[in-house]
């Protein structure tokens, strides 16, 4: 995690993969800027999609909570 206990998108992706989720990352250019479209699918078949500029970008607690809810899982981040 980066300073301030803000997990990065990479931290969440790593955690999700450790839980058996399938993660697909597509990098695309939009208006000259690189974007990463991250799709996470849980073993139960629930999915979440997040778009980030960089995988090192910090995630807000509300974003982590939304991803957890969509996947039907509870991450250790922001406890």
PDB file of N, CA and C in Angstrom:
ATOM      1  N   UNK A   1       0.834  -1.188   0.000  1.00  0.00           N
ATOM      2  CA  UNK A   1       0.000   0.000   0.000  1.00  0.00           C
ATOM      3  C   UNK A   1       0.874   1.245   0.000  1.00  0.00           C
ATOM      4  N   UNK A   2       0.343   2.296  -0.562  1.00  0.00           N
ATOM      5  CA  UNK A   2       1.085   3.543  -0.578  1.00  0.00           C
ATOM      6  C   UNK A   2       0.842   4.302   0.720  1.00  0.00           C
ATOM      7  N   UNK A   3       1.582   5.360   0.925  1.00  0.00           N
ATOM      8  CA  UNK A   3       1.505   6.135   2.160  1.00  0.00           C
ATOM      9  C   UNK A   3       0.078   6.566   2.458  1.00  0.00           C
ATOM     10  N   UNK A   4      -0.247   6.638   3.750  1.00  0.00           N
ATOM     11  CA  UNK A   4      -1.568   7.078   4.158  1.00  0.00           C
ATOM     12  C   UNK A   4      -2.597   5.954   4.166  1.00  0.00           C
ATOM     13  N   UNK A   5      -2.159   4.711   4.035  1.00  0.00           N
ATOM     14  CA  UNK A   5      -3.056   3.553   4.016  1.00  0.00           C
ATOM     15  C   UNK A   5      -4.070   3.595   2.878  1.00  0.00           C
ATOM     16  N   UNK A   6      -3.756   4.275   1.817  1.00  0.00           N
ATOM     17  CA  UNK A   6      -4.609   4.268   0.635  1.00  0.00           C
ATOM     18  C   UNK A   6      -4.131   3.149  -0.268  1.00  0.00           C
ATOM     19  N   UNK A   7      -4.901   2.097  -0.429  1.00  0.00           N
ATOM     20  CA  UNK A   7      -4.460   1.011  -1.306  1.00  0.00           C
ATOM     21  C   UNK A   7      -4.516   1.458  -2.768  1.00  0.00           C
ATOM     22  N   UNK A   8      -3.637   0.903  -3.549  1.00  0.00           N
ATOM     23  CA  UNK A   8      -3.643   1.209  -4.982  1.00  0.00           C
ATOM     24  C   UNK A   8      -4.555   0.219  -5.700  1.00  0.00           C
ATOM     25  N   UNK A   9      -4.856   0.525  -6.949  1.00  0.00           N
ATOM     26  CA  UNK A   9      -5.621  -0.410  -7.771  1.00  0.00           C
ATOM     27  C   UNK A   9      -4.866  -1.739  -7.856  1.00  0.00           C
ATOM     28  N   UNK A  10      -3.559  -1.657  -7.948  1.00  0.00           N
ATOM     29  CA  UNK A  10      -2.733  -2.871  -8.002  1.00  0.00           C
ATOM     30  C   UNK A  10      -2.900  -3.708  -6.734  1.00  0.00           C
ATOM     31  N   UNK A  11      -2.949  -3.053  -5.554  1.00  0.00           N
ATOM     32  CA  UNK A  11      -3.156  -3.771  -4.290  1.00  0.00           C
ATOM     33  C   UNK A  11      -4.479  -4.538  -4.320  1.00  0.00           C
ATOM     34  N   UNK A  12      -5.535  -3.875  -4.782  1.00  0.00           N
ATOM     35  CA  UNK A  12      -6.844  -4.531  -4.818  1.00  0.00           C
ATOM     36  C   UNK A  12      -6.841  -5.688  -5.814  1.00  0.00           C
ATOM     37  N   UNK A  13      -6.239  -5.475  -6.967  1.00  0.00           N
ATOM     38  CA  UNK A  13      -6.164  -6.527  -7.984  1.00  0.00           C
ATOM     39  C   UNK A  13      -5.417  -7.740  -7.437  1.00  0.00           C
ATOM     40  N   UNK A  14      -4.298  -7.508  -6.773  1.00  0.00           N
ATOM     41  CA  UNK A  14      -3.517  -8.611  -6.194  1.00  0.00           C
ATOM     42  C   UNK A  14      -4.336  -9.384  -5.175  1.00  0.00           C
ATOM     43  N   UNK A  15      -5.047  -8.646  -4.305  1.00  0.00           N
ATOM     44  CA  UNK A  15      -5.893  -9.290  -3.297  1.00  0.00           C
ATOM     45  C   UNK A  15      -6.974 -10.130  -3.979  1.00  0.00           C
ATOM     46  N   UNK A  16      -7.629  -9.561  -4.992  1.00  0.00           N
ATOM     47  CA  UNK A  16      -8.704 -10.271  -5.689  1.00  0.00           C
ATOM     48  C   UNK A  16      -8.189 -11.556  -6.342  1.00  0.00           C
ATOM     49  N   UNK A  17      -7.028 -11.486  -6.961  1.00  0.00           N
ATOM     50  CA  UNK A  17      -6.450 -12.678  -7.576  1.00  0.00           C
ATOM     51  C   UNK A  17      -6.126 -13.728  -6.526  1.00  0.00           C
ATOM     52  N   UNK A  18      -5.636 -13.301  -5.365  1.00  0.00           N
ATOM     53  CA  UNK A  18      -5.357 -14.243  -4.275  1.00  0.00           C
ATOM     54  C   UNK A  18      -6.624 -14.949  -3.804  1.00  0.00           C
ATOM     55  N   UNK A  19      -7.784 -14.301  -3.982  1.00  0.00           N
ATOM     56  CA  UNK A  19      -9.068 -14.876  -3.583  1.00  0.00           C
ATOM     57  C   UNK A  19      -9.687 -15.740  -4.685  1.00  0.00           C
ATOM     58  N   UNK A  20      -8.986 -15.888  -5.805  1.00  0.00           N
ATOM     59  CA  UNK A  20      -9.460 -16.728  -6.890  1.00  0.00           C
ATOM     60  C   UNK A  20     -10.224 -15.994  -7.973  1.00  0.00           C
ATOM     61  N   UNK A  21     -10.249 -14.676  -7.906  1.00  0.00           N
ATOM     62  CA  UNK A  21     -10.928 -13.890  -8.943  1.00  0.00           C
ATOM     63  C   UNK A  21     -10.118 -13.887 -10.229  1.00  0.00           C
ATOM     64  N   UNK A  22     -10.823 -13.758 -11.340  1.00  0.00           N
ATOM     65  CA  UNK A  22     -10.180 -13.615 -12.640  1.00  0.00           C
ATOM     66  C   UNK A  22     -10.157 -12.125 -12.963  1.00  0.00           C
ATOM     67  N   UNK A  23      -8.975 -11.613 -13.251  1.00  0.00           N
ATOM     68  CA  UNK A  23      -8.799 -10.186 -13.519  1.00  0.00           C
ATOM     69  C   UNK A  23      -8.356 -10.011 -14.963  1.00  0.00           C
ATOM     70  N   UNK A  24      -9.043  -9.128 -15.672  1.00  0.00           N
ATOM     71  CA  UNK A  24      -8.684  -8.778 -17.042  1.00  0.00           C
ATOM     72  C   UNK A  24      -8.420  -7.277 -17.075  1.00  0.00           C
ATOM     73  N   UNK A  25      -7.276  -6.895 -17.633  1.00  0.00           N
ATOM     74  CA  UNK A  25      -6.922  -5.484 -17.729  1.00  0.00           C
ATOM     75  C   UNK A  25      -6.704  -5.144 -19.202  1.00  0.00           C
ATOM     76  N   UNK A  26      -7.432  -4.140 -19.658  1.00  0.00           N
ATOM     77  CA  UNK A  26      -7.289  -3.666 -21.031  1.00  0.00           C
ATOM     78  C   UNK A  26      -6.775  -2.229 -20.957  1.00  0.00           C
ATOM     79  N   UNK A  27      -5.686  -1.975 -21.639  1.00  0.00           N
ATOM     80  CA  UNK A  27      -5.153  -0.614 -21.688  1.00  0.00           C
ATOM     81  C   UNK A  27      -5.587   0.015 -23.007  1.00  0.00           C
ATOM     82  N   UNK A  28      -6.086   1.231 -22.922  1.00  0.00           N
ATOM     83  CA  UNK A  28      -6.562   1.924 -24.105  1.00  0.00           C
ATOM     84  C   UNK A  28      -6.164   3.388 -24.038  1.00  0.00           C
ATOM     85  N   UNK A  29      -6.181   4.036 -25.155  1.00  0.00           N
ATOM     86  CA  UNK A  29      -5.915   5.479 -25.212  1.00  0.00           C
ATOM     87  C   UNK A  29      -7.231   6.202 -25.438  1.00  0.00           C
ATOM     88  N   UNK A  30      -7.460   7.237 -24.679  1.00  0.00           N
ATOM     89  CA  UNK A  30      -8.653   8.070 -24.841  1.00  0.00           C
ATOM     90  C   UNK A  30      -8.213   9.515 -24.784  1.00  0.00           C
ATOM     91  N   UNK A  31      -8.418  10.218 -25.867  1.00  0.00           N
ATOM     92  CA  UNK A  31      -8.019  11.615 -25.960  1.00  0.00           C
ATOM     93  C   UNK A  31      -6.549  11.806 -25.583  1.00  0.00           C
ATOM     94  N   UNK A  32      -5.715  10.866 -26.047  1.00  0.00           N
ATOM     95  CA  UNK A  32      -4.282  10.961 -25.819  1.00  0.00           C
ATOM     96  C   UNK A  32      -3.814  10.514 -24.449  1.00  0.00           C
ATOM     97  N   UNK A  33      -4.721  10.007 -23.616  1.00  0.00           N
ATOM     98  CA  UNK A  33      -4.353   9.568 -22.267  1.00  0.00           C
ATOM     99  C   UNK A  33      -4.577   8.065 -22.135  1.00  0.00           C
ATOM    100  N   UNK A  34      -3.637   7.409 -21.496  1.00  0.00           N
ATOM    101  CA  UNK A  34      -3.765   5.970 -21.277  1.00  0.00           C
ATOM    102  C   UNK A  34      -4.740   5.701 -20.131  1.00  0.00           C
ATOM    103  N   UNK A  35      -5.618   4.745 -20.345  1.00  0.00           N
ATOM    104  CA  UNK A  35      -6.553   4.300 -19.316  1.00  0.00           C
ATOM    105  C   UNK A  35      -6.448   2.791 -19.182  1.00  0.00           C
ATOM    106  N   UNK A  36      -6.634   2.312 -17.955  1.00  0.00           N
ATOM    107  CA  UNK A  36      -6.681   0.877 -17.705  1.00  0.00           C
ATOM    108  C   UNK A  36      -8.113   0.528 -17.315  1.00  0.00           C
ATOM    109  N   UNK A  37      -8.721  -0.356 -18.068  1.00  0.00           N
ATOM    110  CA  UNK A  37     -10.055  -0.841 -17.744  1.00  0.00           C
ATOM    111  C   UNK A  37      -9.870  -2.194 -17.076  1.00  0.00           C
ATOM    112  N   UNK A  38     -10.229  -2.256 -15.799  1.00  0.00           N
ATOM    113  CA  UNK A  38      -9.996  -3.450 -14.988  1.00  0.00           C
ATOM    114  C   UNK A  38     -11.327  -4.151 -14.761  1.00  0.00           C
ATOM    115  N   UNK A  39     -11.435  -5.389 -15.185  1.00  0.00           N
ATOM    116  CA  UNK A  39     -12.616  -6.211 -14.958  1.00  0.00           C
ATOM    117  C   UNK A  39     -12.225  -7.324 -13.989  1.00  0.00           C
ATOM    118  N   UNK A  40     -12.998  -7.455 -12.913  1.00  0.00           N
ATOM    119  CA  UNK A  40     -12.730  -8.488 -11.906  1.00  0.00           C
ATOM    120  C   UNK A  40     -13.967  -9.363 -11.803  1.00  0.00           C
ATOM    121  N   UNK A  41     -13.791 -10.666 -11.933  1.00  0.00           N
ATOM    122  CA  UNK A  41     -14.895 -11.620 -11.818  1.00  0.00           C
ATOM    123  C   UNK A  41     -14.616 -12.570 -10.659  1.00  0.00           C
ATOM    124  N   UNK A  42     -15.554 -12.631  -9.723  1.00  0.00           N
ATOM    125  CA  UNK A  42     -15.386 -13.524  -8.574  1.00  0.00           C
ATOM    126  C   UNK A  42     -15.724 -14.954  -8.988  1.00  0.00           C
ATOM    127  N   UNK A  43     -15.364 -15.907  -8.137  1.00  0.00           N
ATOM    128  CA  UNK A  43     -15.668 -17.306  -8.423  1.00  0.00           C
ATOM    129  C   UNK A  43     -17.172 -17.546  -8.425  1.00  0.00           C
ATOM    130  N   UNK A  44     -17.926 -16.684  -7.733  1.00  0.00           N
ATOM    131  CA  UNK A  44     -19.391 -16.807  -7.696  1.00  0.00           C
ATOM    132  C   UNK A  44     -20.044 -16.206  -8.934  1.00  0.00           C
ATOM    133  N   UNK A  45     -19.248 -15.616  -9.832  1.00  0.00           N
ATOM    134  CA  UNK A  45     -19.772 -15.071 -11.068  1.00  0.00           C
ATOM    135  C   UNK A  45     -20.150 -13.600 -11.010  1.00  0.00           C
ATOM    136  N   UNK A  46     -19.900 -12.940  -9.889  1.00  0.00           N
ATOM    137  CA  UNK A  46     -20.175 -11.509  -9.795  1.00  0.00           C
ATOM    138  C   UNK A  46     -19.003 -10.740 -10.385  1.00  0.00           C
ATOM    139  N   UNK A  47     -19.292  -9.588 -10.996  1.00  0.00           N
ATOM    140  CA  UNK A  47     -18.237  -8.824 -11.644  1.00  0.00           C
ATOM    141  C   UNK A  47     -18.229  -7.368 -11.193  1.00  0.00           C
ATOM    142  N   UNK A  48     -17.059  -6.767 -11.313  1.00  0.00           N
ATOM    143  CA  UNK A  48     -16.879  -5.341 -11.035  1.00  0.00           C
ATOM    144  C   UNK A  48     -15.914  -4.799 -12.075  1.00  0.00           C
ATOM    145  N   UNK A  49     -16.164  -3.565 -12.484  1.00  0.00           N
ATOM    146  CA  UNK A  49     -15.294  -2.912 -13.463  1.00  0.00           C
ATOM    147  C   UNK A  49     -14.864  -1.569 -12.901  1.00  0.00           C
ATOM    148  N   UNK A  50     -13.585  -1.265 -13.027  1.00  0.00           N
ATOM    149  CA  UNK A  50     -13.030   0.007 -12.552  1.00  0.00           C
ATOM    150  C   UNK A  50     -12.105   0.543 -13.644  1.00  0.00           C
ATOM    151  N   UNK A  51     -12.155   1.830 -13.877  1.00  0.00           N
ATOM    152  CA  UNK A  51     -11.273   2.474 -14.842  1.00  0.00           C
ATOM    153  C   UNK A  51     -10.295   3.358 -14.072  1.00  0.00           C
ATOM    154  N   UNK A  52      -9.008   3.141 -14.293  1.00  0.00           N
ATOM    155  CA  UNK A  52      -7.977   3.925 -13.604  1.00  0.00           C
ATOM    156  C   UNK A  52      -6.955   4.413 -14.620  1.00  0.00           C
ATOM    157  N   UNK A  53      -6.329   5.540 -14.294  1.00  0.00           N
ATOM    158  CA  UNK A  53      -5.264   6.060 -15.163  1.00  0.00           C
ATOM    159  C   UNK A  53      -4.015   5.186 -15.034  1.00  0.00           C
ATOM    160  N   UNK A  54      -3.633   4.895 -13.804  1.00  0.00           N
ATOM    161  CA  UNK A  54      -2.452   4.070 -13.514  1.00  0.00           C
ATOM    162  C   UNK A  54      -2.838   3.038 -12.465  1.00  0.00           C
ATOM    163  N   UNK A  55      -2.236   1.865 -12.540  1.00  0.00           N
ATOM    164  CA  UNK A  55      -2.525   0.835 -11.551  1.00  0.00           C
ATOM    165  C   UNK A  55      -2.000   1.211 -10.167  1.00  0.00           C
ATOM    166  N   UNK A  56      -1.084   2.158 -10.119  1.00  0.00           N
ATOM    167  CA  UNK A  56      -0.554   2.634  -8.839  1.00  0.00           C
ATOM    168  C   UNK A  56      -1.435   3.712  -8.214  1.00  0.00           C
ATOM    169  N   UNK A  57      -2.479   4.149  -8.934  1.00  0.00           N
ATOM    170  CA  UNK A  57      -3.377   5.184  -8.398  1.00  0.00           C
ATOM    171  C   UNK A  57      -4.056   4.687  -7.125  1.00  0.00           C
ATOM    172  N   UNK A  58      -4.178   5.558  -6.127  1.00  0.00           N
ATOM    173  CA  UNK A  58      -4.848   5.158  -4.884  1.00  0.00           C
ATOM    174  C   UNK A  58      -6.354   5.029  -5.085  1.00  0.00           C
ATOM    175  N   UNK A  59      -6.953   4.116  -4.326  1.00  0.00           N
ATOM    176  CA  UNK A  59      -8.400   3.931  -4.338  1.00  0.00           C
ATOM    177  C   UNK A  59      -8.989   4.504  -3.057  1.00  0.00           C
ATOM    178  N   UNK A  60     -10.070   5.245  -3.177  1.00  0.00           N
ATOM    179  CA  UNK A  60     -10.766   5.781  -2.013  1.00  0.00           C
ATOM    180  C   UNK A  60     -11.489   4.643  -1.293  1.00  0.00           C
ATOM    181  N   UNK A  61     -11.783   4.844  -0.018  1.00  0.00           N
ATOM    182  CA  UNK A  61     -12.476   3.807   0.750  1.00  0.00           C
ATOM    183  C   UNK A  61     -13.836   3.472   0.133  1.00  0.00           C
ATOM    184  N   UNK A  62     -14.511   4.472  -0.426  1.00  0.00           N
ATOM    185  CA  UNK A  62     -15.817   4.218  -1.052  1.00  0.00           C
ATOM    186  C   UNK A  62     -15.677   3.355  -2.303  1.00  0.00           C
ATOM    187  N   UNK A  63     -14.567   3.496  -3.016  1.00  0.00           N
ATOM    188  CA  UNK A  63     -14.323   2.671  -4.200  1.00  0.00           C
ATOM    189  C   UNK A  63     -14.076   1.228  -3.793  1.00  0.00           C
ATOM    190  N   UNK A  64     -13.267   1.037  -2.755  1.00  0.00           N
ATOM    191  CA  UNK A  64     -13.003  -0.320  -2.260  1.00  0.00           C
ATOM    192  C   UNK A  64     -14.306  -0.958  -1.784  1.00  0.00           C
ATOM    193  N   UNK A  65     -15.129  -0.208  -1.052  1.00  0.00           N
ATOM    194  CA  UNK A  65     -16.413  -0.732  -0.568  1.00  0.00           C
ATOM    195  C   UNK A  65     -17.322  -1.121  -1.739  1.00  0.00           C
ATOM    196  N   UNK A  66     -17.351  -0.301  -2.790  1.00  0.00           N
ATOM    197  CA  UNK A  66     -18.177  -0.606  -3.960  1.00  0.00           C
ATOM    198  C   UNK A  66     -17.691  -1.870  -4.660  1.00  0.00           C
ATOM    199  N   UNK A  67     -16.369  -1.987  -4.839  1.00  0.00           N
ATOM    200  CA  UNK A  67     -15.816  -3.183  -5.472  1.00  0.00           C
ATOM    201  C   UNK A  67     -16.140  -4.423  -4.638  1.00  0.00           C
ATOM    202  N   UNK A  68     -15.957  -4.320  -3.318  1.00  0.00           N
ATOM    203  CA  UNK A  68     -16.286  -5.441  -2.431  1.00  0.00           C
ATOM    204  C   UNK A  68     -17.753  -5.847  -2.595  1.00  0.00           C
ATOM    205  N   UNK A  69     -18.636  -4.851  -2.590  1.00  0.00           N
ATOM    206  CA  UNK A  69     -20.081  -5.115  -2.719  1.00  0.00           C
ATOM    207  C   UNK A  69     -20.402  -5.792  -4.045  1.00  0.00           C
ATOM    208  N   UNK A  70     -19.846  -5.278  -5.110  1.00  0.00           N
ATOM    209  CA  UNK A  70     -20.137  -5.844  -6.442  1.00  0.00           C
ATOM    210  C   UNK A  70     -19.633  -7.275  -6.578  1.00  0.00           C
ATOM    211  N   UNK A  71     -18.520  -7.559  -5.896  1.00  0.00           N
ATOM    212  CA  UNK A  71     -17.943  -8.907  -5.979  1.00  0.00           C
ATOM    213  C   UNK A  71     -18.511  -9.853  -4.925  1.00  0.00           C
ATOM    214  N   UNK A  72     -19.259  -9.304  -3.959  1.00  0.00           N
ATOM    215  CA  UNK A  72     -19.794 -10.139  -2.892  1.00  0.00           C
ATOM    216  C   UNK A  72     -18.712 -10.644  -1.967  1.00  0.00           C
ATOM    217  N   UNK A  73     -17.665  -9.833  -1.776  1.00  0.00           N
ATOM    218  CA  UNK A  73     -16.515 -10.219  -0.967  1.00  0.00           C
ATOM    219  C   UNK A  73     -16.178  -9.093  -0.006  1.00  0.00           C
ATOM    220  N   UNK A  74     -15.329  -9.381   0.986  1.00  0.00           N
ATOM    221  CA  UNK A  74     -14.883  -8.350   1.912  1.00  0.00           C
ATOM    222  C   UNK A  74     -13.365  -8.368   1.941  1.00  0.00           C
ATOM    223  N   UNK A  75     -12.768  -7.312   1.402  1.00  0.00           N
ATOM    224  CA  UNK A  75     -11.307  -7.221   1.382  1.00  0.00           C
ATOM    225  C   UNK A  75     -10.794  -6.776   2.755  1.00  0.00           C
ATOM    226  N   UNK A  76      -9.535  -6.971   2.963  1.00  0.00           N
ATOM    227  CA  UNK A  76      -8.889  -6.545   4.204  1.00  0.00           C
ATOM    228  C   UNK A  76      -8.490  -5.063   4.156  1.00  0.00           C
ATOM    229  N   UNK A  77      -8.733  -4.422   3.034  1.00  0.00           N
ATOM    230  CA  UNK A  77      -8.321  -3.030   2.850  1.00  0.00           C
ATOM    231  C   UNK A  77      -9.301  -2.102   3.564  1.00  0.00           C
ATOM    232  N   UNK A  78      -8.791  -1.111   4.233  1.00  0.00           N
ATOM    233  CA  UNK A  78      -9.587  -0.100   4.955  1.00  0.00           C
ATOM    234  C   UNK A  78     -10.337  -0.661   6.137  1.00  0.00           C
ATOM    235  N   UNK A  79      -9.800  -1.623   6.820  1.00  0.00           N
ATOM    236  CA  UNK A  79     -10.459  -2.125   8.040  1.00  0.00           C
ATOM    237  C   UNK A  79      -9.973  -1.357   9.224  1.00  0.00           C
TER     238      UNK A  79
END
